[in-house]
């Protein structure tokens, strides 16, 4: 299992962000598009940790993963957690 995020990991690349900006979408639609792309990356990471396909992830596994990452953040600091916020 991978437990830490590489410093270069991004949830949305500059190229993807530029493509979203160029799309004929409203501001709320652009926000949702960015969120969806980022969420897909995060779901792929979570699925990899559970060694399952993304489509086989359960809501409980996602909740458990967020709880685990939050616990790591609280106990070890932001840099030890996968999500850096």
PDB file of N, CA and C in Angstrom:
ATOM      1  N   UNK A   1       0.824  -1.188   0.000  1.00  0.00           N
ATOM      2  CA  UNK A   1       0.000   0.000   0.000  1.00  0.00           C
ATOM      3  C   UNK A   1       0.865   1.246   0.000  1.00  0.00           C
ATOM      4  N   UNK A   2       0.474   2.208  -0.772  1.00  0.00           N
ATOM      5  CA  UNK A   2       1.167   3.491  -0.803  1.00  0.00           C
ATOM      6  C   UNK A   2       0.518   4.383   0.228  1.00  0.00           C
ATOM      7  N   UNK A   3       1.314   4.935   1.152  1.00  0.00           N
ATOM      8  CA  UNK A   3       0.685   5.708   2.208  1.00  0.00           C
ATOM      9  C   UNK A   3       1.009   7.182   2.168  1.00  0.00           C
ATOM     10  N   UNK A   4       1.878   7.602   1.257  1.00  0.00           N
ATOM     11  CA  UNK A   4       2.157   9.038   1.202  1.00  0.00           C
ATOM     12  C   UNK A   4       2.159   9.513  -0.236  1.00  0.00           C
ATOM     13  N   UNK A   5       1.843  10.749  -0.391  1.00  0.00           N
ATOM     14  CA  UNK A   5       1.752  11.380  -1.702  1.00  0.00           C
ATOM     15  C   UNK A   5       3.132  11.903  -2.080  1.00  0.00           C
ATOM     16  N   UNK A   6       3.512  11.681  -3.310  1.00  0.00           N
ATOM     17  CA  UNK A   6       4.764  12.238  -3.794  1.00  0.00           C
ATOM     18  C   UNK A   6       4.612  13.745  -3.904  1.00  0.00           C
ATOM     19  N   UNK A   7       5.672  14.519  -3.597  1.00  0.00           N
ATOM     20  CA  UNK A   7       5.556  15.978  -3.656  1.00  0.00           C
ATOM     21  C   UNK A   7       5.082  16.498  -5.004  1.00  0.00           C
ATOM     22  N   UNK A   8       5.369  15.774  -6.094  1.00  0.00           N
ATOM     23  CA  UNK A   8       5.000  16.268  -7.417  1.00  0.00           C
ATOM     24  C   UNK A   8       3.580  15.864  -7.826  1.00  0.00           C
ATOM     25  N   UNK A   9       2.899  15.059  -7.016  1.00  0.00           N
ATOM     26  CA  UNK A   9       1.554  14.618  -7.359  1.00  0.00           C
ATOM     27  C   UNK A   9       0.606  15.808  -7.380  1.00  0.00           C
ATOM     28  N   UNK A  10      -0.114  15.921  -8.486  1.00  0.00           N
ATOM     29  CA  UNK A  10      -1.108  16.973  -8.616  1.00  0.00           C
ATOM     30  C   UNK A  10      -2.422  16.315  -8.975  1.00  0.00           C
ATOM     31  N   UNK A  11      -3.495  16.910  -8.537  1.00  0.00           N
ATOM     32  CA  UNK A  11      -4.797  16.365  -8.861  1.00  0.00           C
ATOM     33  C   UNK A  11      -5.329  16.914 -10.169  1.00  0.00           C
ATOM     34  N   UNK A  12      -4.756  18.016 -10.646  1.00  0.00           N
ATOM     35  CA  UNK A  12      -5.133  18.595 -11.929  1.00  0.00           C
ATOM     36  C   UNK A  12      -3.884  19.229 -12.511  1.00  0.00           C
ATOM     37  N   UNK A  13      -3.474  18.768 -13.677  1.00  0.00           N
ATOM     38  CA  UNK A  13      -2.272  19.323 -14.290  1.00  0.00           C
ATOM     39  C   UNK A  13      -2.568  20.709 -14.854  1.00  0.00           C
ATOM     40  N   UNK A  14      -1.515  21.455 -15.118  1.00  0.00           N
ATOM     41  CA  UNK A  14      -1.684  22.772 -15.736  1.00  0.00           C
ATOM     42  C   UNK A  14      -2.356  22.651 -17.094  1.00  0.00           C
ATOM     43  N   UNK A  15      -2.000  21.621 -17.854  1.00  0.00           N
ATOM     44  CA  UNK A  15      -2.601  21.403 -19.176  1.00  0.00           C
ATOM     45  C   UNK A  15      -4.094  21.108 -19.046  1.00  0.00           C
ATOM     46  N   UNK A  16      -4.453  20.256 -18.085  1.00  0.00           N
ATOM     47  CA  UNK A  16      -5.867  19.953 -17.877  1.00  0.00           C
ATOM     48  C   UNK A  16      -6.631  21.192 -17.433  1.00  0.00           C
ATOM     49  N   UNK A  17      -6.027  21.961 -16.547  1.00  0.00           N
ATOM     50  CA  UNK A  17      -6.670  23.189 -16.079  1.00  0.00           C
ATOM     51  C   UNK A  17      -6.900  24.153 -17.240  1.00  0.00           C
ATOM     52  N   UNK A  18      -5.916  24.250 -18.122  1.00  0.00           N
ATOM     53  CA  UNK A  18      -6.048  25.123 -19.286  1.00  0.00           C
ATOM     54  C   UNK A  18      -7.168  24.634 -20.210  1.00  0.00           C
ATOM     55  N   UNK A  19      -7.270  23.319 -20.368  1.00  0.00           N
ATOM     56  CA  UNK A  19      -8.338  22.768 -21.204  1.00  0.00           C
ATOM     57  C   UNK A  19      -9.710  23.064 -20.603  1.00  0.00           C
ATOM     58  N   UNK A  20      -9.811  22.958 -19.273  1.00  0.00           N
ATOM     59  CA  UNK A  20     -11.081  23.275 -18.621  1.00  0.00           C
ATOM     60  C   UNK A  20     -11.401  24.751 -18.816  1.00  0.00           C
ATOM     61  N   UNK A  21     -10.382  25.619 -18.652  1.00  0.00           N
ATOM     62  CA  UNK A  21     -10.584  27.053 -18.848  1.00  0.00           C
ATOM     63  C   UNK A  21     -11.068  27.367 -20.254  1.00  0.00           C
ATOM     64  N   UNK A  22     -10.545  26.635 -21.245  1.00  0.00           N
ATOM     65  CA  UNK A  22     -10.889  26.892 -22.642  1.00  0.00           C
ATOM     66  C   UNK A  22     -12.252  26.314 -23.031  1.00  0.00           C
ATOM     67  N   UNK A  23     -12.774  25.413 -22.220  1.00  0.00           N
ATOM     68  CA  UNK A  23     -14.051  24.773 -22.535  1.00  0.00           C
ATOM     69  C   UNK A  23     -15.187  25.796 -22.460  1.00  0.00           C
ATOM     70  N   UNK A  24     -16.193  25.570 -23.245  1.00  0.00           N
ATOM     71  CA  UNK A  24     -17.363  26.449 -23.263  1.00  0.00           C
ATOM     72  C   UNK A  24     -18.305  26.055 -22.128  1.00  0.00           C
ATOM     73  N   UNK A  25     -17.854  26.356 -20.915  1.00  0.00           N
ATOM     74  CA  UNK A  25     -18.599  26.000 -19.716  1.00  0.00           C
ATOM     75  C   UNK A  25     -18.776  27.233 -18.836  1.00  0.00           C
ATOM     76  N   UNK A  26     -19.815  27.226 -18.031  1.00  0.00           N
ATOM     77  CA  UNK A  26     -19.999  28.297 -17.052  1.00  0.00           C
ATOM     78  C   UNK A  26     -18.990  28.090 -15.918  1.00  0.00           C
ATOM     79  N   UNK A  27     -18.814  29.101 -15.093  1.00  0.00           N
ATOM     80  CA  UNK A  27     -17.891  28.983 -13.960  1.00  0.00           C
ATOM     81  C   UNK A  27     -18.240  27.808 -13.045  1.00  0.00           C
ATOM     82  N   UNK A  28     -19.520  27.623 -12.677  1.00  0.00           N
ATOM     83  CA  UNK A  28     -19.850  26.459 -11.838  1.00  0.00           C
ATOM     84  C   UNK A  28     -19.551  25.130 -12.537  1.00  0.00           C
ATOM     85  N   UNK A  29     -19.765  25.080 -13.848  1.00  0.00           N
ATOM     86  CA  UNK A  29     -19.473  23.854 -14.596  1.00  0.00           C
ATOM     87  C   UNK A  29     -17.966  23.595 -14.643  1.00  0.00           C
ATOM     88  N   UNK A  30     -17.176  24.644 -14.785  1.00  0.00           N
ATOM     89  CA  UNK A  30     -15.716  24.484 -14.776  1.00  0.00           C
ATOM     90  C   UNK A  30     -15.237  23.985 -13.421  1.00  0.00           C
ATOM     91  N   UNK A  31     -15.811  24.537 -12.346  1.00  0.00           N
ATOM     92  CA  UNK A  31     -15.458  24.078 -11.008  1.00  0.00           C
ATOM     93  C   UNK A  31     -15.766  22.596 -10.856  1.00  0.00           C
ATOM     94  N   UNK A  32     -16.969  22.186 -11.260  1.00  0.00           N
ATOM     95  CA  UNK A  32     -17.377  20.793 -11.139  1.00  0.00           C
ATOM     96  C   UNK A  32     -16.502  19.886 -12.006  1.00  0.00           C
ATOM     97  N   UNK A  33     -16.119  20.359 -13.176  1.00  0.00           N
ATOM     98  CA  UNK A  33     -15.241  19.579 -14.048  1.00  0.00           C
ATOM     99  C   UNK A  33     -13.887  19.360 -13.380  1.00  0.00           C
ATOM    100  N   UNK A  34     -13.303  20.420 -12.808  1.00  0.00           N
ATOM    101  CA  UNK A  34     -12.025  20.283 -12.104  1.00  0.00           C
ATOM    102  C   UNK A  34     -12.152  19.323 -10.921  1.00  0.00           C
ATOM    103  N   UNK A  35     -13.237  19.466 -10.185  1.00  0.00           N
ATOM    104  CA  UNK A  35     -13.476  18.602  -9.034  1.00  0.00           C
ATOM    105  C   UNK A  35     -13.601  17.143  -9.465  1.00  0.00           C
ATOM    106  N   UNK A  36     -14.277  16.907 -10.568  1.00  0.00           N
ATOM    107  CA  UNK A  36     -14.485  15.548 -11.055  1.00  0.00           C
ATOM    108  C   UNK A  36     -13.170  14.917 -11.508  1.00  0.00           C
ATOM    109  N   UNK A  37     -12.354  15.654 -12.231  1.00  0.00           N
ATOM    110  CA  UNK A  37     -11.058  15.143 -12.665  1.00  0.00           C
ATOM    111  C   UNK A  37     -10.185  14.831 -11.451  1.00  0.00           C
ATOM    112  N   UNK A  38     -10.151  15.740 -10.494  1.00  0.00           N
ATOM    113  CA  UNK A  38      -9.376  15.525  -9.269  1.00  0.00           C
ATOM    114  C   UNK A  38      -9.907  14.330  -8.489  1.00  0.00           C
ATOM    115  N   UNK A  39     -11.215  14.201  -8.421  1.00  0.00           N
ATOM    116  CA  UNK A  39     -11.828  13.083  -7.696  1.00  0.00           C
ATOM    117  C   UNK A  39     -11.479  11.753  -8.343  1.00  0.00           C
ATOM    118  N   UNK A  40     -11.447  11.711  -9.655  1.00  0.00           N
ATOM    119  CA  UNK A  40     -11.068  10.490 -10.355  1.00  0.00           C
ATOM    120  C   UNK A  40      -9.658  10.070  -9.960  1.00  0.00           C
ATOM    121  N   UNK A  41      -8.731  11.020  -9.924  1.00  0.00           N
ATOM    122  CA  UNK A  41      -7.360  10.704  -9.508  1.00  0.00           C
ATOM    123  C   UNK A  41      -7.316  10.159  -8.091  1.00  0.00           C
ATOM    124  N   UNK A  42      -8.067  10.801  -7.201  1.00  0.00           N
ATOM    125  CA  UNK A  42      -8.089  10.358  -5.812  1.00  0.00           C
ATOM    126  C   UNK A  42      -8.722   8.971  -5.698  1.00  0.00           C
ATOM    127  N   UNK A  43      -9.802   8.726  -6.421  1.00  0.00           N
ATOM    128  CA  UNK A  43     -10.430   7.406  -6.394  1.00  0.00           C
ATOM    129  C   UNK A  43      -9.485   6.329  -6.914  1.00  0.00           C
ATOM    130  N   UNK A  44      -8.709   6.649  -7.935  1.00  0.00           N
ATOM    131  CA  UNK A  44      -7.727   5.685  -8.445  1.00  0.00           C
ATOM    132  C   UNK A  44      -6.695   5.359  -7.370  1.00  0.00           C
ATOM    133  N   UNK A  45      -6.257   6.375  -6.633  1.00  0.00           N
ATOM    134  CA  UNK A  45      -5.288   6.162  -5.556  1.00  0.00           C
ATOM    135  C   UNK A  45      -5.897   5.282  -4.461  1.00  0.00           C
ATOM    136  N   UNK A  46      -7.118   5.599  -4.055  1.00  0.00           N
ATOM    137  CA  UNK A  46      -7.783   4.823  -3.004  1.00  0.00           C
ATOM    138  C   UNK A  46      -7.964   3.372  -3.459  1.00  0.00           C
ATOM    139  N   UNK A  47      -8.392   3.182  -4.688  1.00  0.00           N
ATOM    140  CA  UNK A  47      -8.580   1.832  -5.223  1.00  0.00           C
ATOM    141  C   UNK A  47      -7.265   1.060  -5.218  1.00  0.00           C
ATOM    142  N   UNK A  48      -6.184   1.735  -5.564  1.00  0.00           N
ATOM    143  CA  UNK A  48      -4.872   1.088  -5.560  1.00  0.00           C
ATOM    144  C   UNK A  48      -4.509   0.648  -4.139  1.00  0.00           C
ATOM    145  N   UNK A  49      -4.783   1.485  -3.147  1.00  0.00           N
ATOM    146  CA  UNK A  49      -4.485   1.115  -1.759  1.00  0.00           C
ATOM    147  C   UNK A  49      -5.297  -0.096  -1.310  1.00  0.00           C
ATOM    148  N   UNK A  50      -6.536  -0.211  -1.769  1.00  0.00           N
ATOM    149  CA  UNK A  50      -7.377  -1.345  -1.406  1.00  0.00           C
ATOM    150  C   UNK A  50      -7.214  -2.523  -2.372  1.00  0.00           C
ATOM    151  N   UNK A  51      -6.409  -2.329  -3.402  1.00  0.00           N
ATOM    152  CA  UNK A  51      -6.168  -3.357  -4.410  1.00  0.00           C
ATOM    153  C   UNK A  51      -7.480  -3.836  -5.044  1.00  0.00           C
ATOM    154  N   UNK A  52      -8.301  -2.866  -5.437  1.00  0.00           N
ATOM    155  CA  UNK A  52      -9.552  -3.153  -6.128  1.00  0.00           C
ATOM    156  C   UNK A  52      -9.677  -2.202  -7.315  1.00  0.00           C
ATOM    157  N   UNK A  53     -10.530  -2.554  -8.242  1.00  0.00           N
ATOM    158  CA  UNK A  53     -10.819  -1.649  -9.357  1.00  0.00           C
ATOM    159  C   UNK A  53     -11.641  -0.476  -8.831  1.00  0.00           C
ATOM    160  N   UNK A  54     -11.476   0.688  -9.438  1.00  0.00           N
ATOM    161  CA  UNK A  54     -12.211   1.878  -9.013  1.00  0.00           C
ATOM    162  C   UNK A  54     -13.711   1.595  -8.945  1.00  0.00           C
ATOM    163  N   UNK A  55     -14.228   0.912  -9.944  1.00  0.00           N
ATOM    164  CA  UNK A  55     -15.666   0.662  -9.971  1.00  0.00           C
ATOM    165  C   UNK A  55     -16.126  -0.287  -8.869  1.00  0.00           C
ATOM    166  N   UNK A  56     -15.198  -0.970  -8.216  1.00  0.00           N
ATOM    167  CA  UNK A  56     -15.560  -1.870  -7.123  1.00  0.00           C
ATOM    168  C   UNK A  56     -15.381  -1.242  -5.741  1.00  0.00           C
ATOM    169  N   UNK A  57     -14.909   0.000  -5.694  1.00  0.00           N
ATOM    170  CA  UNK A  57     -14.805   0.689  -4.408  1.00  0.00           C
ATOM    171  C   UNK A  57     -16.194   0.868  -3.819  1.00  0.00           C
ATOM    172  N   UNK A  58     -16.268   0.725  -2.501  1.00  0.00           N
ATOM    173  CA  UNK A  58     -17.544   0.969  -1.832  1.00  0.00           C
ATOM    174  C   UNK A  58     -17.487   2.317  -1.132  1.00  0.00           C
ATOM    175  N   UNK A  59     -18.643   2.841  -0.825  1.00  0.00           N
ATOM    176  CA  UNK A  59     -18.707   4.103  -0.073  1.00  0.00           C
ATOM    177  C   UNK A  59     -17.981   3.940   1.256  1.00  0.00           C
ATOM    178  N   UNK A  60     -18.121   2.782   1.900  1.00  0.00           N
ATOM    179  CA  UNK A  60     -17.467   2.561   3.190  1.00  0.00           C
ATOM    180  C   UNK A  60     -15.950   2.577   3.059  1.00  0.00           C
ATOM    181  N   UNK A  61     -15.414   2.003   1.983  1.00  0.00           N
ATOM    182  CA  UNK A  61     -13.960   2.032   1.779  1.00  0.00           C
ATOM    183  C   UNK A  61     -13.472   3.469   1.610  1.00  0.00           C
ATOM    184  N   UNK A  62     -14.228   4.276   0.894  1.00  0.00           N
ATOM    185  CA  UNK A  62     -13.840   5.675   0.685  1.00  0.00           C
ATOM    186  C   UNK A  62     -13.885   6.424   2.014  1.00  0.00           C
ATOM    187  N   UNK A  63     -14.936   6.204   2.790  1.00  0.00           N
ATOM    188  CA  UNK A  63     -15.035   6.835   4.110  1.00  0.00           C
ATOM    189  C   UNK A  63     -13.875   6.398   4.992  1.00  0.00           C
ATOM    190  N   UNK A  64     -13.604   5.087   5.012  1.00  0.00           N
ATOM    191  CA  UNK A  64     -12.501   4.558   5.833  1.00  0.00           C
ATOM    192  C   UNK A  64     -11.176   5.171   5.425  1.00  0.00           C
ATOM    193  N   UNK A  65     -10.972   5.319   4.110  1.00  0.00           N
ATOM    194  CA  UNK A  65      -9.719   5.894   3.631  1.00  0.00           C
ATOM    195  C   UNK A  65      -9.568   7.338   4.113  1.00  0.00           C
ATOM    196  N   UNK A  66     -10.630   8.127   4.019  1.00  0.00           N
ATOM    197  CA  UNK A  66     -10.571   9.516   4.484  1.00  0.00           C
ATOM    198  C   UNK A  66     -10.318   9.582   5.987  1.00  0.00           C
ATOM    199  N   UNK A  67     -10.943   8.674   6.741  1.00  0.00           N
ATOM    200  CA  UNK A  67     -10.691   8.635   8.183  1.00  0.00           C
ATOM    201  C   UNK A  67      -9.225   8.321   8.465  1.00  0.00           C
ATOM    202  N   UNK A  68      -8.675   7.351   7.735  1.00  0.00           N
ATOM    203  CA  UNK A  68      -7.274   6.973   7.922  1.00  0.00           C
ATOM    204  C   UNK A  68      -6.345   8.124   7.563  1.00  0.00           C
ATOM    205  N   UNK A  69      -6.606   8.785   6.441  1.00  0.00           N
ATOM    206  CA  UNK A  69      -5.748   9.893   6.027  1.00  0.00           C
ATOM    207  C   UNK A  69      -5.845  11.058   7.009  1.00  0.00           C
ATOM    208  N   UNK A  70      -7.059  11.309   7.520  1.00  0.00           N
ATOM    209  CA  UNK A  70      -7.239  12.356   8.525  1.00  0.00           C
ATOM    210  C   UNK A  70      -6.486  12.046   9.807  1.00  0.00           C
ATOM    211  N   UNK A  71      -6.507  10.779  10.199  1.00  0.00           N
ATOM    212  CA  UNK A  71      -5.787  10.365  11.412  1.00  0.00           C
ATOM    213  C   UNK A  71      -4.282  10.558  11.231  1.00  0.00           C
ATOM    214  N   UNK A  72      -3.776  10.192  10.065  1.00  0.00           N
ATOM    215  CA  UNK A  72      -2.353  10.391   9.773  1.00  0.00           C
ATOM    216  C   UNK A  72      -2.021  11.874   9.852  1.00  0.00           C
ATOM    217  N   UNK A  73      -2.873  12.719   9.282  1.00  0.00           N
ATOM    218  CA  UNK A  73      -2.647  14.171   9.288  1.00  0.00           C
ATOM    219  C   UNK A  73      -2.601  14.710  10.720  1.00  0.00           C
ATOM    220  N   UNK A  74      -3.543  14.248  11.545  1.00  0.00           N
ATOM    221  CA  UNK A  74      -3.603  14.717  12.934  1.00  0.00           C
ATOM    222  C   UNK A  74      -2.415  14.217  13.757  1.00  0.00           C
ATOM    223  N   UNK A  75      -2.030  12.967  13.559  1.00  0.00           N
ATOM    224  CA  UNK A  75      -0.995  12.362  14.395  1.00  0.00           C
ATOM    225  C   UNK A  75       0.428  12.609  13.894  1.00  0.00           C
ATOM    226  N   UNK A  76       0.596  12.698  12.567  1.00  0.00           N
ATOM    227  CA  UNK A  76       1.943  12.794  12.006  1.00  0.00           C
ATOM    228  C   UNK A  76       2.207  14.097  11.271  1.00  0.00           C
ATOM    229  N   UNK A  77       1.170  14.894  11.052  1.00  0.00           N
ATOM    230  CA  UNK A  77       1.321  16.147  10.349  1.00  0.00           C
ATOM    231  C   UNK A  77       0.873  16.072   8.906  1.00  0.00           C
ATOM    232  N   UNK A  78       0.653  17.244   8.339  1.00  0.00           N
ATOM    233  CA  UNK A  78       0.132  17.361   6.983  1.00  0.00           C
ATOM    234  C   UNK A  78       1.016  16.656   5.961  1.00  0.00           C
ATOM    235  N   UNK A  79       2.305  16.766   6.105  1.00  0.00           N
ATOM    236  CA  UNK A  79       3.212  16.192   5.108  1.00  0.00           C
ATOM    237  C   UNK A  79       3.163  14.666   5.070  1.00  0.00           C
ATOM    238  N   UNK A  80       2.743  14.022   6.150  1.00  0.00           N
ATOM    239  CA  UNK A  80       2.658  12.560   6.174  1.00  0.00           C
ATOM    240  C   UNK A  80       1.373  12.051   5.536  1.00  0.00           C
ATOM    241  N   UNK A  81       0.366  12.889   5.434  1.00  0.00           N
ATOM    242  CA  UNK A  81      -0.918  12.513   4.862  1.00  0.00           C
ATOM    243  C   UNK A  81      -0.856  12.571   3.343  1.00  0.00           C
ATOM    244  N   UNK A  82      -1.772  11.867   2.692  1.00  0.00           N
ATOM    245  CA  UNK A  82      -1.843  11.914   1.237  1.00  0.00           C
ATOM    246  C   UNK A  82      -2.416  13.247   0.774  1.00  0.00           C
ATOM    247  N   UNK A  83      -3.507  13.674   1.394  1.00  0.00           N
ATOM    248  CA  UNK A  83      -4.116  14.959   1.050  1.00  0.00           C
ATOM    249  C   UNK A  83      -3.439  16.056   1.850  1.00  0.00           C
ATOM    250  N   UNK A  84      -2.973  17.059   1.177  1.00  0.00           N
ATOM    251  CA  UNK A  84      -2.210  18.132   1.806  1.00  0.00           C
ATOM    252  C   UNK A  84      -3.087  19.353   2.012  1.00  0.00           C
ATOM    253  N   UNK A  85      -3.914  19.356   3.048  1.00  0.00           N
ATOM    254  CA  UNK A  85      -4.717  20.535   3.354  1.00  0.00           C
ATOM    255  C   UNK A  85      -4.783  20.734   4.821  1.00  0.00           C
TER     256      UNK A  85
END
